[in-house]
Amino acid sequence: MRTSVKYCLALLGVLLLFLKLFRDLSAAASDSLRPNLANDAITHAWPFFSYAKATIQSGVLPLWNPYTSLGTPFFAEIGLGLFYPLSWVTLLTDVPSALLLIQFLTVAIGMAGMYGYMRYLALEPLARFLGVALFAFAVFIESFYPTMGYSFCLMPVILWMGHRMMVTPDLRNTCLVALSLALCFLGGFPNYFIYAVLILAVYCACLLGLSFPDIRLPGIATRAGMTLLVVAQTLGLVAVQLLPSYELSSLSYRSLESGSAYDPDSILSLIHIS
């Protein structure tokens, strides 16, 4: 069979699989009898995203949630994934439709990332399809809890960008690795971020070990320096999630008791959405 025909068949298979998963997502979202699939988004994400949307549309940032327990930090809560770009979809339409669209996009990102990674590895079309299919079903299950899907769908992209950096250790590839890791963290499920970092570390170490005869010690030193740059860039990008926590700590009873005064010109107090 000609190579072009194989590629067309693989792409057709990926497209049909994507349409099937989207149909299953739609069916699960409309079926209240499937709690393991749909109710995480309904019972957990829907109320929080609704509160965030209403508060932002009123012109203020929701730093605090007064409706949970006796009040809890909101932007400071990593597990909500409010700084993840897909969460902003809820500002564009009603929350239930946005949650379905988020699940749809999460699966799409996972499939596209896996296909790009397998293509980068120059695998055969059938291998690409099988890899995309297996990962698509995994992301499909995780996407029903938004923050889990947010972080998990980026795993192939992280490995892909990490491999590129080990092969070509330049600033562009370093920035791409840091961006993919930062998005994984901001997704709101730290467990998967830790897994991603550990897997990437082992993966890169194996690549270095296999390529040592060619790159020698200077090549390893260059890649080690790039890795440190990735860590610095990632920390800088995820700092946006830590700013609300700092703001909250400046208002805590312990800080006030120690004599520290709240600065009315602090960063977040000046931010208002008109």
Protein backbone atom coordinates (compact mmCIF):
# COMPACT_ATOMS: atom_id res chain seq x y z
CA MET A 1 0.00 0.00 0.00
CA ARG A 2 1.31 3.44 -0.94
CA THR A 3 2.49 5.67 1.90
CA SER A 4 0.04 8.46 0.98
CA VAL A 5 -2.88 6.01 1.22
CA LYS A 6 -1.68 4.87 4.65
CA TYR A 7 -1.53 8.46 5.89
CA CYS A 8 -5.02 9.19 4.55
CA LEU A 9 -6.43 6.08 6.24
CA ALA A 10 -4.73 6.97 9.54
CA LEU A 11 -6.09 10.53 9.44
CA LEU A 12 -9.56 9.25 8.55
CA GLY A 13 -9.42 6.84 11.49
CA VAL A 14 -8.38 9.66 13.86
CA LEU A 15 -11.23 11.86 12.57
CA LEU A 16 -13.84 9.11 13.00
CA LEU A 17 -12.56 8.37 16.51
CA PHE A 18 -12.75 12.06 17.39
CA LEU A 19 -16.35 12.28 16.17
CA LYS A 20 -17.27 9.18 18.18
CA LEU A 21 -15.75 10.58 21.37
CA PHE A 22 -17.55 13.88 20.86
CA ARG A 23 -20.84 12.03 20.46
CA ASP A 24 -20.12 10.11 23.68
CA LEU A 25 -19.31 13.37 25.48
CA SER A 26 -22.61 14.88 24.37
CA ALA A 27 -24.54 11.77 25.42
CA ALA A 28 -22.89 11.65 28.85
CA ALA A 29 -23.52 15.34 29.50
CA SER A 30 -27.26 14.87 28.88
CA ASP A 31 -27.59 11.63 30.88
CA SER A 32 -27.89 12.17 34.64
CA LEU A 33 -27.76 8.40 35.18
CA ARG A 34 -24.05 8.29 34.33
CA PRO A 35 -22.58 9.98 37.42
CA ASN A 36 -19.04 8.73 36.94
CA LEU A 37 -18.86 10.47 33.57
CA ALA A 38 -20.92 13.64 33.77
CA ASN A 39 -21.52 14.59 37.38
CA ASP A 40 -17.99 15.73 38.25
CA ALA A 41 -18.36 18.60 35.83
CA ILE A 42 -21.92 19.27 37.02
CA THR A 43 -21.49 19.08 40.79
CA HIS A 44 -17.95 20.46 41.10
CA ALA A 45 -16.99 22.66 38.15
CA TRP A 46 -20.37 24.19 37.30
CA PRO A 47 -20.91 26.09 40.62
CA PHE A 48 -17.34 27.40 40.76
CA PHE A 49 -17.22 28.53 37.15
CA SER A 50 -20.65 30.12 37.49
CA TYR A 51 -19.46 32.13 40.50
CA ALA A 52 -16.25 33.16 38.71
CA LYS A 53 -18.15 34.26 35.62
CA ALA A 54 -20.74 36.28 37.55
CA THR A 55 -18.10 37.98 39.68
CA ILE A 56 -15.85 38.90 36.77
CA GLN A 57 -18.80 40.22 34.77
CA SER A 58 -19.69 42.44 37.73
CA GLY A 59 -16.29 44.13 37.40
CA VAL A 60 -14.19 42.58 40.17
CA LEU A 61 -11.86 39.62 40.51
CA PRO A 62 -13.17 36.74 42.66
CA LEU A 63 -10.33 36.50 45.17
CA TRP A 64 -12.61 35.02 47.83
CA ASN A 65 -15.51 32.59 47.73
CA PRO A 66 -17.96 33.32 50.59
CA TYR A 67 -20.30 30.44 49.69
CA THR A 68 -18.09 27.47 50.62
CA SER A 69 -17.64 26.54 54.30
CA LEU A 70 -17.06 29.84 56.16
CA GLY A 71 -15.39 31.30 53.09
CA THR A 72 -12.40 30.04 51.11
CA PRO A 73 -9.76 31.57 48.82
CA PHE A 74 -10.81 31.39 45.18
CA PHE A 75 -8.05 32.50 42.81
CA ALA A 76 -5.55 31.06 45.27
CA GLU A 77 -7.13 27.60 44.92
CA ILE A 78 -4.87 25.74 42.48
CA GLY A 79 -7.35 22.91 42.01
CA LEU A 80 -9.87 25.11 40.17
CA GLY A 81 -7.60 25.76 37.19
CA LEU A 82 -8.94 29.30 36.73
CA PHE A 83 -5.76 30.53 35.06
CA TYR A 84 -5.80 27.74 32.47
CA PRO A 85 -6.81 29.20 29.06
CA LEU A 86 -9.61 26.68 28.48
CA SER A 87 -11.35 27.88 31.64
CA TRP A 88 -11.86 31.25 29.98
CA VAL A 89 -14.31 29.63 27.57
CA THR A 90 -16.89 29.91 30.36
CA LEU A 91 -16.85 33.70 29.91
CA LEU A 92 -18.03 33.37 26.30
CA THR A 93 -21.18 31.29 26.71
CA ASP A 94 -23.39 29.67 29.35
CA VAL A 95 -21.47 27.48 31.76
CA PRO A 96 -23.02 24.06 30.88
CA SER A 97 -22.30 24.56 27.17
CA ALA A 98 -18.83 25.86 28.01
CA LEU A 99 -18.06 22.75 30.09
CA LEU A 100 -19.04 20.50 27.20
CA LEU A 101 -16.90 22.57 24.84
CA ILE A 102 -13.99 22.41 27.31
CA GLN A 103 -14.23 18.61 27.40
CA PHE A 104 -14.35 18.56 23.60
CA LEU A 105 -11.26 20.80 23.33
CA THR A 106 -9.40 18.82 25.99
CA VAL A 107 -9.77 15.62 23.98
CA ALA A 108 -8.80 17.49 20.81
CA ILE A 109 -5.61 18.85 22.42
CA GLY A 110 -4.65 15.39 23.67
CA MET A 111 -5.19 13.78 20.28
CA ALA A 112 -3.38 16.53 18.37
CA GLY A 113 -0.46 16.47 20.81
CA MET A 114 -0.08 12.72 20.57
CA TYR A 115 -0.29 12.77 16.78
CA GLY A 116 2.35 15.52 16.59
CA TYR A 117 4.62 13.62 18.99
CA MET A 118 4.31 10.36 17.03
CA ARG A 119 4.88 12.21 13.77
CA TYR A 120 8.00 13.81 15.25
CA LEU A 121 9.25 10.32 16.12
CA ALA A 122 8.67 9.35 12.45
CA LEU A 123 6.48 6.36 13.33
CA GLU A 124 4.42 4.51 10.76
CA PRO A 125 0.83 5.70 10.11
CA LEU A 126 -0.70 2.67 11.83
CA ALA A 127 1.46 3.25 14.92
CA ARG A 128 0.38 6.89 14.97
CA PHE A 129 -3.28 5.95 14.81
CA LEU A 130 -2.96 3.36 17.58
CA GLY A 131 -1.07 5.83 19.80
CA VAL A 132 -3.64 8.56 19.23
CA ALA A 133 -6.55 6.14 19.79
CA LEU A 134 -5.20 4.81 23.09
CA PHE A 135 -4.40 8.25 24.45
CA ALA A 136 -7.70 9.68 23.20
CA PHE A 137 -9.70 7.24 25.31
CA ALA A 138 -7.52 8.02 28.34
CA VAL A 139 -8.07 11.78 27.92
CA PHE A 140 -11.77 11.14 27.28
CA ILE A 141 -12.15 9.60 30.74
CA GLU A 142 -10.06 12.27 32.48
CA SER A 143 -11.83 15.17 30.74
CA PHE A 144 -15.01 14.68 32.78
CA TYR A 145 -13.16 16.27 35.69
CA PRO A 146 -11.90 19.47 34.01
CA THR A 147 -8.70 20.03 35.97
CA MET A 148 -7.58 16.43 35.52
CA GLY A 149 -8.17 16.68 31.79
CA TYR A 150 -6.42 20.06 31.62
CA SER A 151 -3.17 18.66 33.00
CA PHE A 152 -3.32 15.17 31.54
CA CYS A 153 -3.96 16.13 27.90
CA LEU A 154 -0.57 17.88 27.72
CA MET A 155 1.56 14.82 28.50
CA PRO A 156 2.46 14.04 24.84
CA VAL A 157 3.28 17.70 24.18
CA ILE A 158 5.61 17.79 27.20
CA LEU A 159 7.50 14.70 26.00
CA TRP A 160 7.56 16.03 22.45
CA MET A 161 8.99 19.41 23.47
CA GLY A 162 11.43 17.76 25.88
CA HIS A 163 12.73 15.50 23.12
CA ARG A 164 13.16 18.49 20.81
CA MET A 165 15.16 20.32 23.46
CA MET A 166 17.47 17.35 23.97
CA VAL A 167 18.08 17.08 20.22
CA THR A 168 18.36 20.85 19.61
CA PRO A 169 19.10 22.68 22.89
CA ASP A 170 18.23 26.24 21.87
CA LEU A 171 16.20 29.01 23.49
CA ARG A 172 13.09 28.39 21.38
CA ASN A 173 12.79 24.76 22.41
CA THR A 174 13.53 25.66 26.03
CA CYS A 175 10.64 28.14 26.03
CA LEU A 176 8.30 25.53 24.54
CA VAL A 177 9.15 23.01 27.26
CA ALA A 178 8.60 25.63 29.98
CA LEU A 179 5.29 26.71 28.45
CA SER A 180 3.96 23.16 28.25
CA LEU A 181 4.98 22.45 31.86
CA ALA A 182 3.49 25.72 33.09
CA LEU A 183 0.18 24.96 31.40
CA CYS A 184 0.21 21.50 32.97
CA PHE A 185 0.65 23.11 36.40
CA LEU A 186 -1.97 25.80 35.82
CA GLY A 187 -4.38 23.08 34.74
CA GLY A 188 -5.06 22.58 38.43
CA PHE A 189 -4.11 18.94 39.08
CA PRO A 190 -0.64 19.02 40.71
CA ASN A 191 -0.45 15.20 40.79
CA TYR A 192 -0.22 15.02 37.01
CA PHE A 193 2.25 17.90 36.94
CA ILE A 194 4.56 15.99 39.30
CA TYR A 195 4.15 12.82 37.21
CA ALA A 196 4.91 14.81 34.04
CA VAL A 197 8.10 16.27 35.56
CA LEU A 198 9.31 12.87 36.76
CA ILE A 199 8.54 11.15 33.45
CA LEU A 200 10.19 13.95 31.49
CA ALA A 201 13.29 13.79 33.70
CA VAL A 202 13.68 10.02 33.17
CA TYR A 203 12.93 10.39 29.46
CA CYS A 204 15.56 13.09 28.97
CA ALA A 205 18.11 11.18 31.05
CA CYS A 206 17.63 8.14 28.80
CA LEU A 207 18.04 10.29 25.69
CA LEU A 208 21.25 11.74 27.07
CA GLY A 209 22.57 8.31 27.94
CA LEU A 210 21.87 6.98 24.45
CA SER A 211 23.38 10.03 22.74
CA PHE A 212 26.44 10.38 25.00
CA PRO A 213 28.92 8.92 22.48
CA ASP A 214 27.95 11.68 20.02
CA ILE A 215 27.50 14.77 22.22
CA ARG A 216 30.13 14.06 24.90
CA LEU A 217 30.41 16.08 28.11
CA PRO A 218 30.10 19.55 26.51
CA GLY A 219 26.77 18.54 24.99
CA ILE A 220 25.51 17.25 28.34
CA ALA A 221 26.61 20.48 30.05
CA THR A 222 24.71 22.55 27.47
CA ARG A 223 21.55 20.53 27.95
CA ALA A 224 21.88 20.70 31.74
CA GLY A 225 22.08 24.49 31.49
CA MET A 226 18.99 24.54 29.28
CA THR A 227 17.18 22.38 31.82
CA LEU A 228 17.91 24.90 34.57
CA LEU A 229 16.58 27.62 32.28
CA VAL A 230 13.38 25.58 31.81
CA VAL A 231 12.95 25.42 35.60
CA ALA A 232 13.39 29.19 35.92
CA GLN A 233 10.99 29.93 33.07
CA THR A 234 8.37 27.51 34.40
CA LEU A 235 8.50 29.08 37.86
CA GLY A 236 8.09 32.50 36.31
CA LEU A 237 5.04 31.44 34.33
CA VAL A 238 3.28 29.68 37.20
CA ALA A 239 3.85 32.65 39.52
CA VAL A 240 0.55 34.04 38.24
CA GLN A 241 -1.17 31.32 40.29
CA LEU A 242 0.81 32.25 43.41
CA LEU A 243 0.04 35.99 43.44
CA PRO A 244 -3.47 35.54 44.92
CA SER A 245 -1.99 33.35 47.66
CA TYR A 246 0.43 36.12 48.56
CA GLU A 247 -2.41 38.65 48.58
CA LEU A 248 -4.43 36.41 50.87
CA SER A 249 -1.52 35.91 53.28
CA SER A 250 -1.08 39.69 53.58
CA LEU A 251 -4.64 39.90 54.91
CA SER A 252 -4.45 36.96 57.28
CA TYR A 253 -5.03 37.34 61.02
CA ARG A 254 -1.47 36.22 61.71
CA SER A 255 -0.01 38.99 59.51
CA LEU A 256 -2.22 41.66 61.04
CA GLU A 257 -1.43 40.49 64.57
CA SER A 258 2.29 40.76 63.89
CA GLY A 259 1.85 44.43 63.05
CA SER A 260 2.07 44.30 59.27
CA ALA A 261 -0.34 46.67 57.55
CA TYR A 262 -2.30 45.92 54.43
CA ASP A 263 -0.98 47.93 51.51
CA PRO A 264 -3.95 49.47 49.66
CA ASP A 265 -1.78 49.84 46.57
CA SER A 266 -0.98 46.13 46.29
CA ILE A 267 -1.03 44.57 42.86
CA LEU A 268 -4.34 42.75 42.97
CA SER A 269 -6.22 45.57 44.71
CA LEU A 270 -5.52 47.76 41.68
CA ILE A 271 -6.87 45.26 39.17
CA HIS A 272 -10.45 45.87 38.12
CA ILE A 273 -12.19 44.76 35.00
CA SER A 274 -14.21 47.52 33.44
